[in-house]
Amino acid sequence: MASDEPIIRVRGLVTRFGANTIHDGLDLDIKRGEIMALVGGSGSGKSVLLRTLIGLKKQEGGSIEIFGRDMAKLDEDERRAVQERWGVLFQNGALFSALTVAQNVRVPFSEHTRLSSKLVGDLIRLKIRMVGLPPEAGAKYASELSGGMIKRAALARALALDPEIVFLDEPTAGLDPISAAAFDQLIDDLQKSLNLTVVIVTHDLDTLAAITHRIAVLVDKHIIVGTLQELMQLDHPWIKSYFHGPRGRAAFVQGR
């Protein structure tokens, strides 16, 4: 259950690539315990916003507070401590191809903890089981996995350190409808059981209908936030075409 407490607070965010302004004074609150989707047209800056939130893209102005800490004012050790409290599933999984699934999941433990090898091994097996993969998947390489299994393995790595926030970049892209629906259900189940805050960059209308609590739409270099029902009442041209087009109507018949 989401609370009114913002776990992520963005104010006046400005991002640019050279002379091209992507976000111009963007404000956004993400509540603790909610599933928030970031949507928008091609080039609207969905993935740029995610990369800025996790520190892979430098902001040109404004502030980003996560867990009440202004990320721009933290030293390296403080930033590292905050980063240990979130996990990231990058687009296409981004598994290390030369490592097995178990070795991929081990990476966060090796970088951020000093736990014993036995305990880490037990935790790796737990995380692999948690995302619905069979135990034998731990010994496989990415080239031996289906697209859905790659996403689940990457999610196991993102969950390695028991994060409070999980960032997902296009998690169902490239999956068939059955695999995508199963992955949506997995995210929903994990969010509820672990009380996660989930931030999803997506264009998948079925995901929006099935599991999101609120949706942030990036339009005109700014952002409009609301529930699915609230956004479907708006008169903005892009929002109307996105949510009321044929695919939107089909997806939202079963939406919550």
C-alpha atoms as a PDB file:
ATOM      1  CA  MET A   1       0.000   0.000   0.000  1.00  0.00           C
ATOM      2  CA  ALA A   2       1.455   3.331  -1.056  1.00  0.00           C
ATOM      3  CA  SER A   3       1.815   6.065   1.551  1.00  0.00           C
ATOM      4  CA  ASP A   4       1.709   9.813   0.972  1.00  0.00           C
ATOM      5  CA  GLU A   5       5.382  10.045   1.911  1.00  0.00           C
ATOM      6  CA  PRO A   6       7.509  10.738  -1.196  1.00  0.00           C
ATOM      7  CA  ILE A   7      10.476   8.408  -1.349  1.00  0.00           C
ATOM      8  CA  ILE A   8      11.665  10.289  -4.471  1.00  0.00           C
ATOM      9  CA  ARG A   9      11.155  14.052  -4.762  1.00  0.00           C
ATOM     10  CA  VAL A  10      12.155  15.894  -7.947  1.00  0.00           C
ATOM     11  CA  ARG A  11      11.911  19.666  -8.199  1.00  0.00           C
ATOM     12  CA  GLY A  12      12.695  21.914 -11.172  1.00  0.00           C
ATOM     13  CA  LEU A  13      14.692  19.234 -12.977  1.00  0.00           C
ATOM     14  CA  VAL A  14      16.485  20.363 -16.121  1.00  0.00           C
ATOM     15  CA  THR A  15      18.337  17.918 -18.365  1.00  0.00           C
ATOM     16  CA  ARG A  16      20.017  18.605 -21.677  1.00  0.00           C
ATOM     17  CA  PHE A  17      22.013  16.949 -24.410  1.00  0.00           C
ATOM     18  CA  GLY A  18      24.088  19.787 -25.801  1.00  0.00           C
ATOM     19  CA  ALA A  19      21.680  22.538 -26.847  1.00  0.00           C
ATOM     20  CA  ASN A  20      18.701  20.162 -26.748  1.00  0.00           C
ATOM     21  CA  THR A  21      16.642  20.533 -23.558  1.00  0.00           C
ATOM     22  CA  ILE A  22      14.938  17.260 -22.603  1.00  0.00           C
ATOM     23  CA  HIS A  23      13.279  18.258 -19.318  1.00  0.00           C
ATOM     24  CA  ASP A  24      12.612  21.873 -18.402  1.00  0.00           C
ATOM     25  CA  GLY A  25      11.579  22.424 -14.782  1.00  0.00           C
ATOM     26  CA  LEU A  26      10.149  18.957 -14.153  1.00  0.00           C
ATOM     27  CA  ASP A  27       8.534  18.223 -10.748  1.00  0.00           C
ATOM     28  CA  LEU A  28       7.691  14.704  -9.600  1.00  0.00           C
ATOM     29  CA  ASP A  29       6.890  12.959  -6.311  1.00  0.00           C
ATOM     30  CA  ILE A  30       7.014   9.155  -6.161  1.00  0.00           C
ATOM     31  CA  LYS A  31       5.338   7.730  -3.074  1.00  0.00           C
ATOM     32  CA  ARG A  32       6.771   5.001  -0.912  1.00  0.00           C
ATOM     33  CA  GLY A  33       5.191   1.660  -1.809  1.00  0.00           C
ATOM     34  CA  GLU A  34       3.658   2.589  -5.170  1.00  0.00           C
ATOM     35  CA  ILE A  35       4.174   1.357  -8.704  1.00  0.00           C
ATOM     36  CA  MET A  36       4.781   4.471 -10.805  1.00  0.00           C
ATOM     37  CA  ALA A  37       5.018   4.254 -14.593  1.00  0.00           C
ATOM     38  CA  LEU A  38       6.884   6.789 -16.737  1.00  0.00           C
ATOM     39  CA  VAL A  39       5.385   7.073 -20.228  1.00  0.00           C
ATOM     40  CA  GLY A  40       5.694   9.447 -23.145  1.00  0.00           C
ATOM     41  CA  GLY A  41       6.301   9.676 -26.850  1.00  0.00           C
ATOM     42  CA  SER A  42       9.566   8.827 -28.554  1.00  0.00           C
ATOM     43  CA  GLY A  43      12.190  11.359 -27.487  1.00  0.00           C
ATOM     44  CA  SER A  44      10.171  12.608 -24.504  1.00  0.00           C
ATOM     45  CA  GLY A  45      12.927  11.614 -22.092  1.00  0.00           C
ATOM     46  CA  LYS A  46      11.526   8.616 -20.189  1.00  0.00           C
ATOM     47  CA  SER A  47      14.777   6.688 -20.020  1.00  0.00           C
ATOM     48  CA  VAL A  48      16.752   9.929 -19.615  1.00  0.00           C
ATOM     49  CA  LEU A  49      14.711  10.671 -16.503  1.00  0.00           C
ATOM     50  CA  LEU A  50      15.377   7.211 -15.098  1.00  0.00           C
ATOM     51  CA  ARG A  51      19.093   7.479 -15.831  1.00  0.00           C
ATOM     52  CA  THR A  52      19.147  10.893 -14.160  1.00  0.00           C
ATOM     53  CA  LEU A  53      17.390   9.553 -11.068  1.00  0.00           C
ATOM     54  CA  ILE A  54      19.975   6.795 -10.640  1.00  0.00           C
ATOM     55  CA  GLY A  55      22.922   9.083 -11.352  1.00  0.00           C
ATOM     56  CA  LEU A  56      23.980   7.886 -14.795  1.00  0.00           C
ATOM     57  CA  LYS A  57      23.035  11.240 -16.364  1.00  0.00           C
ATOM     58  CA  LYS A  58      23.960  14.561 -14.779  1.00  0.00           C
ATOM     59  CA  GLN A  59      21.168  17.066 -14.250  1.00  0.00           C
ATOM     60  CA  GLU A  60      21.669  20.639 -15.446  1.00  0.00           C
ATOM     61  CA  GLY A  61      19.371  22.162 -12.838  1.00  0.00           C
ATOM     62  CA  GLY A  62      16.877  21.406 -10.087  1.00  0.00           C
ATOM     63  CA  SER A  63      17.105  18.828  -7.322  1.00  0.00           C
ATOM     64  CA  ILE A  64      16.587  15.094  -6.845  1.00  0.00           C
ATOM     65  CA  GLU A  65      15.962  13.871  -3.301  1.00  0.00           C
ATOM     66  CA  ILE A  66      15.867  10.135  -2.647  1.00  0.00           C
ATOM     67  CA  PHE A  67      15.203   8.885   0.891  1.00  0.00           C
ATOM     68  CA  GLY A  68      15.258  12.564   1.874  1.00  0.00           C
ATOM     69  CA  ARG A  69      18.833  13.051   0.650  1.00  0.00           C
ATOM     70  CA  ASP A  70      19.720  15.595  -2.054  1.00  0.00           C
ATOM     71  CA  MET A  71      21.731  13.397  -4.403  1.00  0.00           C
ATOM     72  CA  ALA A  72      23.775  16.302  -5.802  1.00  0.00           C
ATOM     73  CA  LYS A  73      25.083  17.183  -2.337  1.00  0.00           C
ATOM     74  CA  LEU A  74      26.346  13.738  -1.338  1.00  0.00           C
ATOM     75  CA  ASP A  75      29.985  12.701  -1.340  1.00  0.00           C
ATOM     76  CA  GLU A  76      31.005   9.433  -2.974  1.00  0.00           C
ATOM     77  CA  ASP A  77      30.563   7.289   0.141  1.00  0.00           C
ATOM     78  CA  GLU A  78      27.170   8.814   0.947  1.00  0.00           C
ATOM     79  CA  ARG A  79      25.980   8.333  -2.621  1.00  0.00           C
ATOM     80  CA  ARG A  80      27.148   4.731  -2.600  1.00  0.00           C
ATOM     81  CA  ALA A  81      25.205   4.091   0.621  1.00  0.00           C
ATOM     82  CA  VAL A  82      22.023   5.462  -0.964  1.00  0.00           C
ATOM     83  CA  GLN A  83      22.563   3.494  -4.175  1.00  0.00           C
ATOM     84  CA  GLU A  84      22.733   0.276  -2.169  1.00  0.00           C
ATOM     85  CA  ARG A  85      19.092   0.863  -1.268  1.00  0.00           C
ATOM     86  CA  TRP A  86      17.843   0.565  -4.851  1.00  0.00           C
ATOM     87  CA  GLY A  87      18.083  -1.967  -7.670  1.00  0.00           C
ATOM     88  CA  VAL A  88      17.944  -1.460 -11.423  1.00  0.00           C
ATOM     89  CA  LEU A  89      16.738  -3.677 -14.247  1.00  0.00           C
ATOM     90  CA  PHE A  90      18.191  -2.185 -17.412  1.00  0.00           C
ATOM     91  CA  GLN A  91      16.574  -2.505 -20.814  1.00  0.00           C
ATOM     92  CA  ASN A  92      17.178  -5.957 -22.344  1.00  0.00           C
ATOM     93  CA  GLY A  93      18.451  -7.191 -18.975  1.00  0.00           C
ATOM     94  CA  ALA A  94      22.087  -6.114 -19.493  1.00  0.00           C
ATOM     95  CA  LEU A  95      23.436  -9.343 -18.033  1.00  0.00           C
ATOM     96  CA  PHE A  96      27.206  -9.861 -18.182  1.00  0.00           C
ATOM     97  CA  SER A  97      27.436 -12.366 -21.021  1.00  0.00           C
ATOM     98  CA  ALA A  98      30.631 -13.997 -19.725  1.00  0.00           C
ATOM     99  CA  LEU A  99      29.009 -14.756 -16.342  1.00  0.00           C
ATOM    100  CA  THR A 100      26.389 -17.287 -15.388  1.00  0.00           C
ATOM    101  CA  VAL A 101      23.089 -16.175 -13.897  1.00  0.00           C
ATOM    102  CA  ALA A 102      24.364 -16.964 -10.397  1.00  0.00           C
ATOM    103  CA  GLN A 103      27.567 -15.016 -11.040  1.00  0.00           C
ATOM    104  CA  ASN A 104      25.529 -12.061 -12.310  1.00  0.00           C
ATOM    105  CA  VAL A 105      23.448 -12.061  -9.136  1.00  0.00           C
ATOM    106  CA  ARG A 106      26.667 -12.302  -7.098  1.00  0.00           C
ATOM    107  CA  VAL A 107      28.014  -9.015  -8.520  1.00  0.00           C
ATOM    108  CA  PRO A 108      26.122  -6.665  -6.123  1.00  0.00           C
ATOM    109  CA  PHE A 109      27.176  -8.780  -3.153  1.00  0.00           C
ATOM    110  CA  SER A 110      30.824  -8.632  -4.233  1.00  0.00           C
ATOM    111  CA  GLU A 111      30.698  -4.860  -4.778  1.00  0.00           C
ATOM    112  CA  HIS A 112      28.741  -3.819  -1.701  1.00  0.00           C
ATOM    113  CA  THR A 113      29.052  -6.474   1.031  1.00  0.00           C
ATOM    114  CA  ARG A 114      31.565  -8.582   2.914  1.00  0.00           C
ATOM    115  CA  LEU A 115      29.283 -11.534   3.535  1.00  0.00           C
ATOM    116  CA  SER A 116      30.684 -15.042   3.626  1.00  0.00           C
ATOM    117  CA  SER A 117      30.753 -17.010   0.405  1.00  0.00           C
ATOM    118  CA  LYS A 118      28.349 -19.590   1.837  1.00  0.00           C
ATOM    119  CA  LEU A 119      25.791 -16.968   2.877  1.00  0.00           C
ATOM    120  CA  VAL A 120      26.056 -15.220  -0.489  1.00  0.00           C
ATOM    121  CA  GLY A 121      25.505 -18.551  -2.231  1.00  0.00           C
ATOM    122  CA  ASP A 122      22.370 -19.152  -0.172  1.00  0.00           C
ATOM    123  CA  LEU A 123      21.089 -15.645  -0.957  1.00  0.00           C
ATOM    124  CA  ILE A 124      21.778 -16.058  -4.671  1.00  0.00           C
ATOM    125  CA  ARG A 125      19.712 -19.246  -4.741  1.00  0.00           C
ATOM    126  CA  LEU A 126      16.939 -17.450  -2.844  1.00  0.00           C
ATOM    127  CA  LYS A 127      16.872 -14.534  -5.300  1.00  0.00           C
ATOM    128  CA  ILE A 128      16.807 -16.872  -8.297  1.00  0.00           C
ATOM    129  CA  ARG A 129      13.882 -18.754  -6.778  1.00  0.00           C
ATOM    130  CA  MET A 130      12.148 -15.486  -5.841  1.00  0.00           C
ATOM    131  CA  VAL A 131      11.854 -14.412  -9.490  1.00  0.00           C
ATOM    132  CA  GLY A 132      10.429 -17.746 -10.577  1.00  0.00           C
ATOM    133  CA  LEU A 133      13.497 -19.288 -12.186  1.00  0.00           C
ATOM    134  CA  PRO A 134      14.359 -22.975 -11.618  1.00  0.00           C
ATOM    135  CA  PRO A 135      17.488 -23.708  -9.544  1.00  0.00           C
ATOM    136  CA  GLU A 136      19.371 -25.013 -12.588  1.00  0.00           C
ATOM    137  CA  ALA A 137      19.086 -21.575 -14.230  1.00  0.00           C
ATOM    138  CA  GLY A 138      21.856 -20.343 -11.948  1.00  0.00           C
ATOM    139  CA  ALA A 139      24.461 -22.265 -13.945  1.00  0.00           C
ATOM    140  CA  LYS A 140      23.308 -20.982 -17.328  1.00  0.00           C
ATOM    141  CA  TYR A 141      24.697 -18.095 -19.400  1.00  0.00           C
ATOM    142  CA  ALA A 142      22.549 -15.381 -20.974  1.00  0.00           C
ATOM    143  CA  SER A 143      22.971 -16.983 -24.410  1.00  0.00           C
ATOM    144  CA  GLU A 144      21.222 -20.092 -23.060  1.00  0.00           C
ATOM    145  CA  LEU A 145      18.183 -18.229 -21.736  1.00  0.00           C
ATOM    146  CA  SER A 146      14.915 -17.127 -23.301  1.00  0.00           C
ATOM    147  CA  GLY A 147      14.032 -13.434 -23.304  1.00  0.00           C
ATOM    148  CA  GLY A 148      11.708 -13.868 -20.352  1.00  0.00           C
ATOM    149  CA  MET A 149      14.350 -15.767 -18.364  1.00  0.00           C
ATOM    150  CA  ILE A 150      16.911 -13.023 -19.059  1.00  0.00           C
ATOM    151  CA  LYS A 151      14.529 -10.424 -17.621  1.00  0.00           C
ATOM    152  CA  ARG A 152      13.941 -12.579 -14.538  1.00  0.00           C
ATOM    153  CA  ALA A 153      17.660 -13.158 -14.037  1.00  0.00           C
ATOM    154  CA  ALA A 154      18.291  -9.425 -14.308  1.00  0.00           C
ATOM    155  CA  LEU A 155      15.506  -8.810 -11.798  1.00  0.00           C
ATOM    156  CA  ALA A 156      17.125 -11.300  -9.399  1.00  0.00           C
ATOM    157  CA  ARG A 157      20.324  -9.243  -9.636  1.00  0.00           C
ATOM    158  CA  ALA A 158      18.363  -6.022  -9.047  1.00  0.00           C
ATOM    159  CA  LEU A 159      16.822  -7.562  -5.914  1.00  0.00           C
ATOM    160  CA  ALA A 160      20.102  -8.938  -4.572  1.00  0.00           C
ATOM    161  CA  LEU A 161      20.601  -6.404  -1.765  1.00  0.00           C
ATOM    162  CA  ASP A 162      16.925  -6.242  -0.682  1.00  0.00           C
ATOM    163  CA  PRO A 163      16.338  -2.782  -2.184  1.00  0.00           C
ATOM    164  CA  GLU A 164      13.562  -0.425  -1.155  1.00  0.00           C
ATOM    165  CA  ILE A 165      13.223   0.943  -4.703  1.00  0.00           C
ATOM    166  CA  VAL A 166      13.427  -0.945  -7.990  1.00  0.00           C
ATOM    167  CA  PHE A 167      13.868   0.920 -11.280  1.00  0.00           C
ATOM    168  CA  LEU A 168      12.752  -0.993 -14.386  1.00  0.00           C
ATOM    169  CA  ASP A 169      13.563   0.205 -17.911  1.00  0.00           C
ATOM    170  CA  GLU A 170      11.149  -1.284 -20.468  1.00  0.00           C
ATOM    171  CA  PRO A 171      10.892  -4.589 -18.559  1.00  0.00           C
ATOM    172  CA  THR A 172       8.424  -6.258 -20.956  1.00  0.00           C
ATOM    173  CA  ALA A 173       9.952  -5.008 -24.223  1.00  0.00           C
ATOM    174  CA  GLY A 174      10.604  -7.885 -26.611  1.00  0.00           C
ATOM    175  CA  LEU A 175       8.505 -10.388 -24.655  1.00  0.00           C
ATOM    176  CA  ASP A 176       5.543 -12.247 -26.108  1.00  0.00           C
ATOM    177  CA  PRO A 177       2.160 -11.336 -24.558  1.00  0.00           C
ATOM    178  CA  ILE A 178       2.055 -14.371 -22.245  1.00  0.00           C
ATOM    179  CA  SER A 179       5.595 -13.798 -20.939  1.00  0.00           C
ATOM    180  CA  ALA A 180       4.934 -10.070 -20.567  1.00  0.00           C
ATOM    181  CA  ALA A 181       1.759 -10.692 -18.559  1.00  0.00           C
ATOM    182  CA  ALA A 182       3.598 -13.172 -16.338  1.00  0.00           C
ATOM    183  CA  PHE A 183       6.373 -10.652 -15.730  1.00  0.00           C
ATOM    184  CA  ASP A 184       3.823  -7.961 -14.849  1.00  0.00           C
ATOM    185  CA  GLN A 185       2.253 -10.344 -12.333  1.00  0.00           C
ATOM    186  CA  LEU A 186       5.682 -11.105 -10.871  1.00  0.00           C
ATOM    187  CA  ILE A 187       6.380  -7.392 -10.353  1.00  0.00           C
ATOM    188  CA  ASP A 188       2.973  -6.911  -8.754  1.00  0.00           C
ATOM    189  CA  ASP A 189       3.475  -9.865  -6.415  1.00  0.00           C
ATOM    190  CA  LEU A 190       6.988  -8.777  -5.407  1.00  0.00           C
ATOM    191  CA  GLN A 191       5.874  -5.196  -4.819  1.00  0.00           C
ATOM    192  CA  LYS A 192       3.157  -6.363  -2.452  1.00  0.00           C
ATOM    193  CA  SER A 193       5.206  -8.975  -0.607  1.00  0.00           C
ATOM    194  CA  LEU A 194       8.346  -6.833  -0.232  1.00  0.00           C
ATOM    195  CA  ASN A 195       6.615  -3.413  -0.009  1.00  0.00           C
ATOM    196  CA  LEU A 196       8.770  -2.157  -2.855  1.00  0.00           C
ATOM    197  CA  THR A 197       8.561   1.193  -4.540  1.00  0.00           C
ATOM    198  CA  VAL A 198       8.672   0.439  -8.276  1.00  0.00           C
ATOM    199  CA  VAL A 199       9.468   2.945 -11.032  1.00  0.00           C
ATOM    200  CA  ILE A 200       8.801   1.576 -14.533  1.00  0.00           C
ATOM    201  CA  VAL A 201       9.726   3.164 -17.834  1.00  0.00           C
ATOM    202  CA  THR A 202       7.352   1.553 -20.294  1.00  0.00           C
ATOM    203  CA  HIS A 203       5.296   1.931 -23.435  1.00  0.00           C
ATOM    204  CA  ASP A 204       3.350  -1.255 -22.668  1.00  0.00           C
ATOM    205  CA  LEU A 205      -0.320  -0.337 -22.305  1.00  0.00           C
ATOM    206  CA  ASP A 206      -1.108  -3.721 -20.772  1.00  0.00           C
ATOM    207  CA  THR A 207       1.407  -3.061 -17.993  1.00  0.00           C
ATOM    208  CA  LEU A 208      -0.205   0.298 -17.273  1.00  0.00           C
ATOM    209  CA  ALA A 209      -3.623  -1.312 -17.026  1.00  0.00           C
ATOM    210  CA  ALA A 210      -2.535  -4.311 -14.984  1.00  0.00           C
ATOM    211  CA  ILE A 211      -0.220  -3.123 -12.214  1.00  0.00           C
ATOM    212  CA  THR A 212       0.480   0.617 -12.015  1.00  0.00           C
ATOM    213  CA  HIS A 213      -0.905   2.801  -9.240  1.00  0.00           C
ATOM    214  CA  ARG A 214      -0.077   6.130 -10.900  1.00  0.00           C
ATOM    215  CA  ILE A 215       1.311   7.177 -14.263  1.00  0.00           C
ATOM    216  CA  ALA A 216       3.643  10.084 -15.041  1.00  0.00           C
ATOM    217  CA  VAL A 217       3.273  11.260 -18.632  1.00  0.00           C
ATOM    218  CA  LEU A 218       6.192  13.220 -20.099  1.00  0.00           C
ATOM    219  CA  VAL A 219       4.863  15.768 -22.572  1.00  0.00           C
ATOM    220  CA  ASP A 220       6.125  19.166 -23.712  1.00  0.00           C
ATOM    221  CA  LYS A 221       9.316  18.782 -21.595  1.00  0.00           C
ATOM    222  CA  HIS A 222       7.174  18.660 -18.440  1.00  0.00           C
ATOM    223  CA  ILE A 223       5.173  15.977 -16.644  1.00  0.00           C
ATOM    224  CA  ILE A 224       1.535  15.219 -15.885  1.00  0.00           C
ATOM    225  CA  VAL A 225       0.825  12.711 -13.109  1.00  0.00           C
ATOM    226  CA  GLY A 226      -2.377  10.890 -12.270  1.00  0.00           C
ATOM    227  CA  THR A 227      -4.143   7.583 -12.024  1.00  0.00           C
ATOM    228  CA  LEU A 228      -5.143   5.832 -15.220  1.00  0.00           C
ATOM    229  CA  GLN A 229      -8.715   7.003 -14.777  1.00  0.00           C
ATOM    230  CA  GLU A 230      -7.650  10.613 -14.163  1.00  0.00           C
ATOM    231  CA  LEU A 231      -5.379  10.749 -17.189  1.00  0.00           C
ATOM    232  CA  MET A 232      -8.038   9.318 -19.477  1.00  0.00           C
ATOM    233  CA  GLN A 233     -10.205  12.355 -18.686  1.00  0.00           C
ATOM    234  CA  LEU A 234      -7.608  14.875 -19.888  1.00  0.00           C
ATOM    235  CA  ASP A 235      -7.855  16.757 -23.158  1.00  0.00           C
ATOM    236  CA  HIS A 236      -4.144  16.888 -24.050  1.00  0.00           C
ATOM    237  CA  PRO A 237      -3.702  15.734 -27.707  1.00  0.00           C
ATOM    238  CA  TRP A 238      -0.910  13.207 -27.086  1.00  0.00           C
ATOM    239  CA  ILE A 239      -2.547  11.797 -23.951  1.00  0.00           C
ATOM    240  CA  LYS A 240      -5.858  11.376 -25.795  1.00  0.00           C
ATOM    241  CA  SER A 241      -4.230   9.599 -28.721  1.00  0.00           C
ATOM    242  CA  TYR A 242      -2.208   7.338 -26.420  1.00  0.00           C
ATOM    243  CA  PHE A 243      -4.873   6.305 -23.938  1.00  0.00           C
ATOM    244  CA  HIS A 244      -7.917   6.391 -26.225  1.00  0.00           C
ATOM    245  CA  GLY A 245      -6.444   4.775 -29.344  1.00  0.00           C
ATOM    246  CA  PRO A 246      -7.462   1.228 -30.354  1.00  0.00           C
ATOM    247  CA  ARG A 247      -4.648  -0.429 -28.408  1.00  0.00           C
ATOM    248  CA  GLY A 248      -5.346   1.681 -25.353  1.00  0.00           C
ATOM    249  CA  ARG A 249      -9.049   0.822 -25.367  1.00  0.00           C
ATOM    250  CA  ALA A 250      -8.273  -2.882 -25.673  1.00  0.00           C
ATOM    251  CA  ALA A 251      -5.722  -2.844 -22.851  1.00  0.00           C
ATOM    252  CA  PHE A 252      -7.802  -0.801 -20.436  1.00  0.00           C
ATOM    253  CA  VAL A 253     -10.956  -2.904 -20.665  1.00  0.00           C
ATOM    254  CA  GLN A 254      -9.452  -5.011 -17.866  1.00  0.00           C
ATOM    255  CA  GLY A 255      -7.430  -2.187 -16.267  1.00  0.00           C
ATOM    256  CA  ARG A 256      -7.755  -1.207 -12.673  1.00  0.00           C
END
